[in-house]
Amino acid sequence: MLGRMTPSLTGMLTALGPLLHHDPMVARSRKISGQGVSADRVLLTFPRAAMVQADPQALGDLIGAKVPDALTRHWQSAEIIHLGLDEADTTGDSVRKLYLEFSPETAPEQGLAYLGLKVGTQTRLHRYDLLDDPTSVLADLALPPDLQDFIFGLTSTCPILRVSEAGSARLSLDIGLMDCAPDPDLLDRLRRMVATLNPIAAGPVIWPSHVAIGRDRNGLPFVTLYGWPDEASP
């Protein structure tokens, strides 16, 4: 189910169709900060092998950027491709994204899970690195206590990624929850955490597939909930 279809999403899906042997998976997310809520966020996911032609620039054209060498030289190592669209990021930008996802066996560097190209008013490169212990990153982030408590409640059982962006204050932790049993106490804590960041924002209505917690490129704390259901209220 595609849910809400904006003109930008319709255009991206239309342009992507001829490039793939089958339709992509579609997942939604919601980003919350004190600056606002970004609700029109979509990720399109497909195996690299599903592309009709092995041409990374064909996807670069969809996000309006030349694919840099940092991605093209690792193109053959990527198993999964993600195209992202954020209509109105909480930093005030509209962003299109291209991610390469690597398995541990094919990663070009040990612990590198994703490389992401994000195109808005500026073009930026993100790294997603596997992290065993979030303590040092949490010290750098200096997040409010509720955010830190939620992270420490998950770190013993769920995979964690350190996300960084060259040239900005962006630093965050991506915590995978798909393989972790839903925890009502942690879900309630997550709702309180969202309310602390933005009292008028809707909290999670289901256990997210993963959650990102950190500071955006302007240095402001944010939370992103992935797996936001299409039928959930705004």
C-alpha atoms as a PDB file:
ATOM      1  CA  MET A   1       0.000   0.000   0.000  1.00  0.00           C
ATOM      2  CA  LEU A   2       1.505   3.323  -1.107  1.00  0.00           C
ATOM      3  CA  GLY A   3      -0.624   5.561   1.082  1.00  0.00           C
ATOM      4  CA  ARG A   4      -0.399   9.309   0.532  1.00  0.00           C
ATOM      5  CA  MET A   5       0.940  10.077  -2.964  1.00  0.00           C
ATOM      6  CA  THR A   6       2.553  13.484  -3.419  1.00  0.00           C
ATOM      7  CA  PRO A   7       3.524  14.769  -6.893  1.00  0.00           C
ATOM      8  CA  SER A   8       7.213  14.253  -6.053  1.00  0.00           C
ATOM      9  CA  LEU A   9       6.674  10.644  -5.006  1.00  0.00           C
ATOM     10  CA  THR A  10       4.507   9.951  -8.042  1.00  0.00           C
ATOM     11  CA  GLY A  11       7.209  11.376 -10.288  1.00  0.00           C
ATOM     12  CA  MET A  12       9.962   9.333  -8.652  1.00  0.00           C
ATOM     13  CA  LEU A  13       7.985   6.076  -8.899  1.00  0.00           C
ATOM     14  CA  THR A  14       7.108   6.783 -12.535  1.00  0.00           C
ATOM     15  CA  ALA A  15      10.737   7.444 -13.442  1.00  0.00           C
ATOM     16  CA  LEU A  16      11.993   4.458 -11.445  1.00  0.00           C
ATOM     17  CA  GLY A  17       9.588   1.940 -13.000  1.00  0.00           C
ATOM     18  CA  PRO A  18      11.456   1.397 -16.323  1.00  0.00           C
ATOM     19  CA  LEU A  19      14.753   0.998 -14.460  1.00  0.00           C
ATOM     20  CA  LEU A  20      13.639  -2.067 -12.457  1.00  0.00           C
ATOM     21  CA  HIS A  21      12.532  -5.611 -13.207  1.00  0.00           C
ATOM     22  CA  HIS A  22       9.952  -5.370 -10.403  1.00  0.00           C
ATOM     23  CA  ASP A  23       8.360  -2.774  -8.133  1.00  0.00           C
ATOM     24  CA  PRO A  24      10.323  -1.531  -5.121  1.00  0.00           C
ATOM     25  CA  MET A  25       9.295  -1.963  -1.512  1.00  0.00           C
ATOM     26  CA  VAL A  26       7.834   1.229  -0.049  1.00  0.00           C
ATOM     27  CA  ALA A  27       8.321   2.278   3.582  1.00  0.00           C
ATOM     28  CA  ARG A  28       7.393   5.475   5.382  1.00  0.00           C
ATOM     29  CA  SER A  29       8.964   7.300   8.286  1.00  0.00           C
ATOM     30  CA  ARG A  30       8.409  10.388  10.413  1.00  0.00           C
ATOM     31  CA  LYS A  31      11.071  12.778  11.700  1.00  0.00           C
ATOM     32  CA  ILE A  32      10.375  14.855  14.808  1.00  0.00           C
ATOM     33  CA  SER A  33      12.308  17.760  16.304  1.00  0.00           C
ATOM     34  CA  GLY A  34      11.563  20.952  18.166  1.00  0.00           C
ATOM     35  CA  GLN A  35      11.473  22.653  14.758  1.00  0.00           C
ATOM     36  CA  GLY A  36       8.565  20.577  13.489  1.00  0.00           C
ATOM     37  CA  VAL A  37       7.530  17.228  12.025  1.00  0.00           C
ATOM     38  CA  SER A  38       8.476  15.865   8.607  1.00  0.00           C
ATOM     39  CA  ALA A  39       5.705  13.440   7.639  1.00  0.00           C
ATOM     40  CA  ASP A  40       6.114  13.027   3.862  1.00  0.00           C
ATOM     41  CA  ARG A  41       9.150  10.745   4.052  1.00  0.00           C
ATOM     42  CA  VAL A  42       9.341   7.643   1.852  1.00  0.00           C
ATOM     43  CA  LEU A  43      12.023   5.036   1.195  1.00  0.00           C
ATOM     44  CA  LEU A  44      11.969   2.880  -1.955  1.00  0.00           C
ATOM     45  CA  THR A  45      14.011  -0.312  -1.602  1.00  0.00           C
ATOM     46  CA  PHE A  46      15.126  -2.949  -4.113  1.00  0.00           C
ATOM     47  CA  PRO A  47      18.043  -5.329  -4.731  1.00  0.00           C
ATOM     48  CA  ARG A  48      20.771  -3.894  -6.951  1.00  0.00           C
ATOM     49  CA  ALA A  49      20.277  -7.010  -9.113  1.00  0.00           C
ATOM     50  CA  ALA A  50      16.707  -5.822  -9.846  1.00  0.00           C
ATOM     51  CA  MET A  51      18.013  -2.964 -11.993  1.00  0.00           C
ATOM     52  CA  VAL A  52      17.545  -3.403 -15.738  1.00  0.00           C
ATOM     53  CA  GLN A  53      20.966  -1.829 -16.353  1.00  0.00           C
ATOM     54  CA  ALA A  54      23.808  -1.565 -13.844  1.00  0.00           C
ATOM     55  CA  ASP A  55      24.065   2.218 -14.127  1.00  0.00           C
ATOM     56  CA  PRO A  56      24.262   4.149 -10.853  1.00  0.00           C
ATOM     57  CA  GLN A  57      23.877   7.485 -12.625  1.00  0.00           C
ATOM     58  CA  ALA A  58      20.399   6.466 -13.793  1.00  0.00           C
ATOM     59  CA  LEU A  59      19.435   6.644 -10.111  1.00  0.00           C
ATOM     60  CA  GLY A  60      21.519   9.755  -9.590  1.00  0.00           C
ATOM     61  CA  ASP A  61      19.377  11.466 -12.203  1.00  0.00           C
ATOM     62  CA  LEU A  62      16.276  10.663 -10.117  1.00  0.00           C
ATOM     63  CA  ILE A  63      17.671  12.560  -7.146  1.00  0.00           C
ATOM     64  CA  GLY A  64      19.213  15.350  -9.232  1.00  0.00           C
ATOM     65  CA  ALA A  65      22.891  14.683  -8.597  1.00  0.00           C
ATOM     66  CA  LYS A  66      25.989  13.234 -10.174  1.00  0.00           C
ATOM     67  CA  VAL A  67      26.807  10.049  -8.281  1.00  0.00           C
ATOM     68  CA  PRO A  68      30.208  10.667  -6.660  1.00  0.00           C
ATOM     69  CA  ASP A  69      33.169   8.336  -6.812  1.00  0.00           C
ATOM     70  CA  ALA A  70      32.622   7.473  -3.145  1.00  0.00           C
ATOM     71  CA  LEU A  71      29.509   5.570  -4.269  1.00  0.00           C
ATOM     72  CA  THR A  72      30.389   4.443  -7.808  1.00  0.00           C
ATOM     73  CA  ARG A  73      33.553   2.655  -6.753  1.00  0.00           C
ATOM     74  CA  HIS A  74      31.552   0.569  -4.271  1.00  0.00           C
ATOM     75  CA  TRP A  75      28.517   0.062  -6.491  1.00  0.00           C
ATOM     76  CA  GLN A  76      29.234  -3.591  -7.248  1.00  0.00           C
ATOM     77  CA  SER A  77      29.628  -4.340  -3.532  1.00  0.00           C
ATOM     78  CA  ALA A  78      26.155  -3.090  -2.637  1.00  0.00           C
ATOM     79  CA  GLU A  79      23.433  -5.715  -2.324  1.00  0.00           C
ATOM     80  CA  ILE A  80      20.479  -3.395  -1.670  1.00  0.00           C
ATOM     81  CA  ILE A  81      19.652   0.068  -3.016  1.00  0.00           C
ATOM     82  CA  HIS A  82      17.415   2.625  -1.310  1.00  0.00           C
ATOM     83  CA  LEU A  83      15.955   5.780  -2.834  1.00  0.00           C
ATOM     84  CA  GLY A  84      14.592   8.277  -0.354  1.00  0.00           C
ATOM     85  CA  LEU A  85      12.376  11.326  -0.523  1.00  0.00           C
ATOM     86  CA  ASP A  86      11.786  13.811   2.286  1.00  0.00           C
ATOM     87  CA  GLU A  87       9.385  16.506   1.119  1.00  0.00           C
ATOM     88  CA  ALA A  88      10.041  18.925   4.005  1.00  0.00           C
ATOM     89  CA  ASP A  89      12.851  17.976   6.374  1.00  0.00           C
ATOM     90  CA  THR A  90      12.725  19.515   9.849  1.00  0.00           C
ATOM     91  CA  THR A  91      15.866  21.482   8.951  1.00  0.00           C
ATOM     92  CA  GLY A  92      13.789  23.344   6.346  1.00  0.00           C
ATOM     93  CA  ASP A  93      15.088  21.470   3.305  1.00  0.00           C
ATOM     94  CA  SER A  94      13.567  19.104   0.762  1.00  0.00           C
ATOM     95  CA  VAL A  95      15.845  16.101   0.369  1.00  0.00           C
ATOM     96  CA  ARG A  96      16.297  13.246  -2.091  1.00  0.00           C
ATOM     97  CA  LYS A  97      18.512  10.319  -1.129  1.00  0.00           C
ATOM     98  CA  LEU A  98      20.416   7.396  -2.614  1.00  0.00           C
ATOM     99  CA  TYR A  99      21.795   4.712  -0.278  1.00  0.00           C
ATOM    100  CA  LEU A 100      23.995   1.700  -0.901  1.00  0.00           C
ATOM    101  CA  GLU A 101      23.536  -1.118   1.622  1.00  0.00           C
ATOM    102  CA  PHE A 102      26.329  -3.650   2.165  1.00  0.00           C
ATOM    103  CA  SER A 103      26.323  -7.042   3.808  1.00  0.00           C
ATOM    104  CA  PRO A 104      29.174  -7.822   6.228  1.00  0.00           C
ATOM    105  CA  GLU A 105      30.667 -10.117   3.550  1.00  0.00           C
ATOM    106  CA  THR A 106      30.689  -7.479   0.796  1.00  0.00           C
ATOM    107  CA  ALA A 107      31.320  -4.269   2.783  1.00  0.00           C
ATOM    108  CA  PRO A 108      34.213  -2.253   1.296  1.00  0.00           C
ATOM    109  CA  GLU A 109      35.361  -1.443   4.836  1.00  0.00           C
ATOM    110  CA  GLN A 110      34.891  -3.476   7.985  1.00  0.00           C
ATOM    111  CA  GLY A 111      31.768  -2.324   9.787  1.00  0.00           C
ATOM    112  CA  LEU A 112      30.503  -0.080   6.967  1.00  0.00           C
ATOM    113  CA  ALA A 113      26.792  -0.838   6.525  1.00  0.00           C
ATOM    114  CA  TYR A 114      25.557   1.998   4.271  1.00  0.00           C
ATOM    115  CA  LEU A 115      26.778   4.920   2.231  1.00  0.00           C
ATOM    116  CA  GLY A 116      24.174   7.595   1.614  1.00  0.00           C
ATOM    117  CA  LEU A 117      24.042  10.521  -0.807  1.00  0.00           C
ATOM    118  CA  LYS A 118      21.586  13.248   0.234  1.00  0.00           C
ATOM    119  CA  VAL A 119      20.650  16.063  -2.122  1.00  0.00           C
ATOM    120  CA  GLY A 120      18.902  19.227  -0.957  1.00  0.00           C
ATOM    121  CA  THR A 121      20.151  22.793  -0.970  1.00  0.00           C
ATOM    122  CA  GLN A 122      23.534  21.087  -0.619  1.00  0.00           C
ATOM    123  CA  THR A 123      24.793  17.617  -1.515  1.00  0.00           C
ATOM    124  CA  ARG A 124      26.084  15.573   1.414  1.00  0.00           C
ATOM    125  CA  LEU A 125      27.549  12.138   2.004  1.00  0.00           C
ATOM    126  CA  HIS A 126      26.518  10.048   5.023  1.00  0.00           C
ATOM    127  CA  ARG A 127      28.261   7.023   6.515  1.00  0.00           C
ATOM    128  CA  TYR A 128      26.491   4.333   8.543  1.00  0.00           C
ATOM    129  CA  ASP A 129      28.973   2.308  10.606  1.00  0.00           C
ATOM    130  CA  LEU A 130      28.194  -0.641  12.883  1.00  0.00           C
ATOM    131  CA  LEU A 131      28.757   0.258  16.517  1.00  0.00           C
ATOM    132  CA  ASP A 132      29.333  -2.108  19.428  1.00  0.00           C
ATOM    133  CA  ASP A 133      29.153   0.482  22.201  1.00  0.00           C
ATOM    134  CA  PRO A 134      27.282   3.810  21.860  1.00  0.00           C
ATOM    135  CA  THR A 135      28.853   5.390  24.965  1.00  0.00           C
ATOM    136  CA  SER A 136      31.350   7.638  23.179  1.00  0.00           C
ATOM    137  CA  VAL A 137      28.782   8.780  20.595  1.00  0.00           C
ATOM    138  CA  LEU A 138      26.273   9.573  23.349  1.00  0.00           C
ATOM    139  CA  ALA A 139      28.935  11.646  25.090  1.00  0.00           C
ATOM    140  CA  ASP A 140      29.513  13.614  21.870  1.00  0.00           C
ATOM    141  CA  LEU A 141      25.769  14.067  21.316  1.00  0.00           C
ATOM    142  CA  ALA A 142      24.994  15.242  24.868  1.00  0.00           C
ATOM    143  CA  LEU A 143      21.318  14.407  24.295  1.00  0.00           C
ATOM    144  CA  PRO A 144      18.519  15.063  26.791  1.00  0.00           C
ATOM    145  CA  PRO A 145      18.278  12.312  29.467  1.00  0.00           C
ATOM    146  CA  ASP A 146      15.079  10.765  28.020  1.00  0.00           C
ATOM    147  CA  LEU A 147      16.804  10.145  24.702  1.00  0.00           C
ATOM    148  CA  GLN A 148      19.849   8.596  26.324  1.00  0.00           C
ATOM    149  CA  ASP A 149      17.741   6.359  28.590  1.00  0.00           C
ATOM    150  CA  PHE A 150      15.816   5.008  25.603  1.00  0.00           C
ATOM    151  CA  ILE A 151      19.044   4.205  23.739  1.00  0.00           C
ATOM    152  CA  PHE A 152      20.597   2.407  26.700  1.00  0.00           C
ATOM    153  CA  GLY A 153      17.393   0.393  27.034  1.00  0.00           C
ATOM    154  CA  LEU A 154      18.021  -1.132  23.602  1.00  0.00           C
ATOM    155  CA  THR A 155      21.761  -1.371  23.148  1.00  0.00           C
ATOM    156  CA  SER A 156      22.189  -4.829  24.640  1.00  0.00           C
ATOM    157  CA  THR A 157      19.889  -6.555  22.158  1.00  0.00           C
ATOM    158  CA  CYS A 158      19.506  -4.421  19.006  1.00  0.00           C
ATOM    159  CA  PRO A 159      22.006  -3.534  16.259  1.00  0.00           C
ATOM    160  CA  ILE A 160      23.257   0.051  16.300  1.00  0.00           C
ATOM    161  CA  LEU A 161      24.721   2.220  13.551  1.00  0.00           C
ATOM    162  CA  ARG A 162      26.682   5.441  13.949  1.00  0.00           C
ATOM    163  CA  VAL A 163      25.547   7.951  11.314  1.00  0.00           C
ATOM    164  CA  SER A 164      27.772  10.883  10.420  1.00  0.00           C
ATOM    165  CA  GLU A 165      27.798  13.604   7.784  1.00  0.00           C
ATOM    166  CA  ALA A 166      31.032  15.221   6.623  1.00  0.00           C
ATOM    167  CA  GLY A 167      31.188  18.960   7.193  1.00  0.00           C
ATOM    168  CA  SER A 168      28.218  19.374   9.558  1.00  0.00           C
ATOM    169  CA  ALA A 169      27.065  18.767  13.126  1.00  0.00           C
ATOM    170  CA  ARG A 170      24.948  15.775  12.022  1.00  0.00           C
ATOM    171  CA  LEU A 171      25.601  12.788  14.262  1.00  0.00           C
ATOM    172  CA  SER A 172      23.086  10.133  15.225  1.00  0.00           C
ATOM    173  CA  LEU A 173      22.476   6.544  16.207  1.00  0.00           C
ATOM    174  CA  ASP A 174      20.291   4.284  14.076  1.00  0.00           C
ATOM    175  CA  ILE A 175      18.856   1.424  16.157  1.00  0.00           C
ATOM    176  CA  GLY A 176      17.322  -1.578  14.385  1.00  0.00           C
ATOM    177  CA  LEU A 177      14.197  -2.902  16.095  1.00  0.00           C
ATOM    178  CA  MET A 178      12.834  -5.400  13.559  1.00  0.00           C
ATOM    179  CA  ASP A 179      14.500  -8.368  15.257  1.00  0.00           C
ATOM    180  CA  CYS A 180      13.888  -7.109  18.792  1.00  0.00           C
ATOM    181  CA  ALA A 181      10.737  -8.112  20.631  1.00  0.00           C
ATOM    182  CA  PRO A 182       8.310  -5.200  21.063  1.00  0.00           C
ATOM    183  CA  ASP A 183       8.660  -3.781  24.559  1.00  0.00           C
ATOM    184  CA  PRO A 184       5.615  -1.858  25.898  1.00  0.00           C
ATOM    185  CA  ASP A 185       7.764  -0.020  28.439  1.00  0.00           C
ATOM    186  CA  LEU A 186      10.238   1.151  25.794  1.00  0.00           C
ATOM    187  CA  LEU A 187       7.423   2.085  23.424  1.00  0.00           C
ATOM    188  CA  ASP A 188       5.889   4.231  26.170  1.00  0.00           C
ATOM    189  CA  ARG A 189       9.296   5.773  26.832  1.00  0.00           C
ATOM    190  CA  LEU A 190       9.611   6.501  23.129  1.00  0.00           C
ATOM    191  CA  ARG A 191       6.223   8.254  23.170  1.00  0.00           C
ATOM    192  CA  ARG A 192       7.356  10.405  26.103  1.00  0.00           C
ATOM    193  CA  MET A 193      10.606  11.160  24.309  1.00  0.00           C
ATOM    194  CA  VAL A 194       8.743  12.380  21.213  1.00  0.00           C
ATOM    195  CA  ALA A 195       6.502  14.541  23.420  1.00  0.00           C
ATOM    196  CA  THR A 196       9.586  16.057  25.069  1.00  0.00           C
ATOM    197  CA  LEU A 197      11.014  17.047  21.692  1.00  0.00           C
ATOM    198  CA  ASN A 198       7.726  18.324  20.273  1.00  0.00           C
ATOM    199  CA  PRO A 199       4.590  18.347  22.472  1.00  0.00           C
ATOM    200  CA  ILE A 200       2.194  18.552  19.514  1.00  0.00           C
ATOM    201  CA  ALA A 201       3.795  15.731  17.489  1.00  0.00           C
ATOM    202  CA  ALA A 202       2.045  12.362  17.202  1.00  0.00           C
ATOM    203  CA  GLY A 203       3.911   9.623  19.025  1.00  0.00           C
ATOM    204  CA  PRO A 204       4.511   6.110  17.683  1.00  0.00           C
ATOM    205  CA  VAL A 205       1.395   3.996  17.278  1.00  0.00           C
ATOM    206  CA  ILE A 206       3.259   0.748  16.601  1.00  0.00           C
ATOM    207  CA  TRP A 207       6.683  -0.668  17.441  1.00  0.00           C
ATOM    208  CA  PRO A 208       8.987   0.975  14.822  1.00  0.00           C
ATOM    209  CA  SER A 209      11.155  -1.040  12.442  1.00  0.00           C
ATOM    210  CA  HIS A 210      14.016   1.183  13.547  1.00  0.00           C
ATOM    211  CA  VAL A 211      14.572   4.543  15.169  1.00  0.00           C
ATOM    212  CA  ALA A 212      17.186   7.256  14.595  1.00  0.00           C
ATOM    213  CA  ILE A 213      18.155   9.509  17.487  1.00  0.00           C
ATOM    214  CA  GLY A 214      20.702  12.308  17.425  1.00  0.00           C
ATOM    215  CA  ARG A 215      21.445  15.846  16.318  1.00  0.00           C
ATOM    216  CA  ASP A 216      20.736  17.187  12.846  1.00  0.00           C
ATOM    217  CA  ARG A 217      23.158  19.217  10.745  1.00  0.00           C
ATOM    218  CA  ASN A 218      22.093  22.351  12.661  1.00  0.00           C
ATOM    219  CA  GLY A 219      22.942  20.679  15.960  1.00  0.00           C
ATOM    220  CA  LEU A 220      19.321  20.222  17.101  1.00  0.00           C
ATOM    221  CA  PRO A 221      18.072  16.947  18.633  1.00  0.00           C
ATOM    222  CA  PHE A 222      15.687  14.811  16.569  1.00  0.00           C
ATOM    223  CA  VAL A 223      14.022  11.406  16.500  1.00  0.00           C
ATOM    224  CA  THR A 224      12.989   9.553  13.341  1.00  0.00           C
ATOM    225  CA  LEU A 225      10.491   6.684  13.519  1.00  0.00           C
ATOM    226  CA  TYR A 226      10.676   4.184  10.663  1.00  0.00           C
ATOM    227  CA  GLY A 227       7.835   1.907   9.656  1.00  0.00           C
ATOM    228  CA  TRP A 228       5.199   4.596  10.205  1.00  0.00           C
ATOM    229  CA  PRO A 229       1.919   3.033   9.044  1.00  0.00           C
ATOM    230  CA  ASP A 230       0.089   4.651   6.135  1.00  0.00           C
ATOM    231  CA  GLU A 231      -3.188   4.662   8.018  1.00  0.00           C
ATOM    232  CA  ALA A 232      -1.796   6.405  11.114  1.00  0.00           C
ATOM    233  CA  SER A 233      -3.145   9.823  11.954  1.00  0.00           C
ATOM    234  CA  PRO A 234      -0.888  12.793  11.095  1.00  0.00           C
END
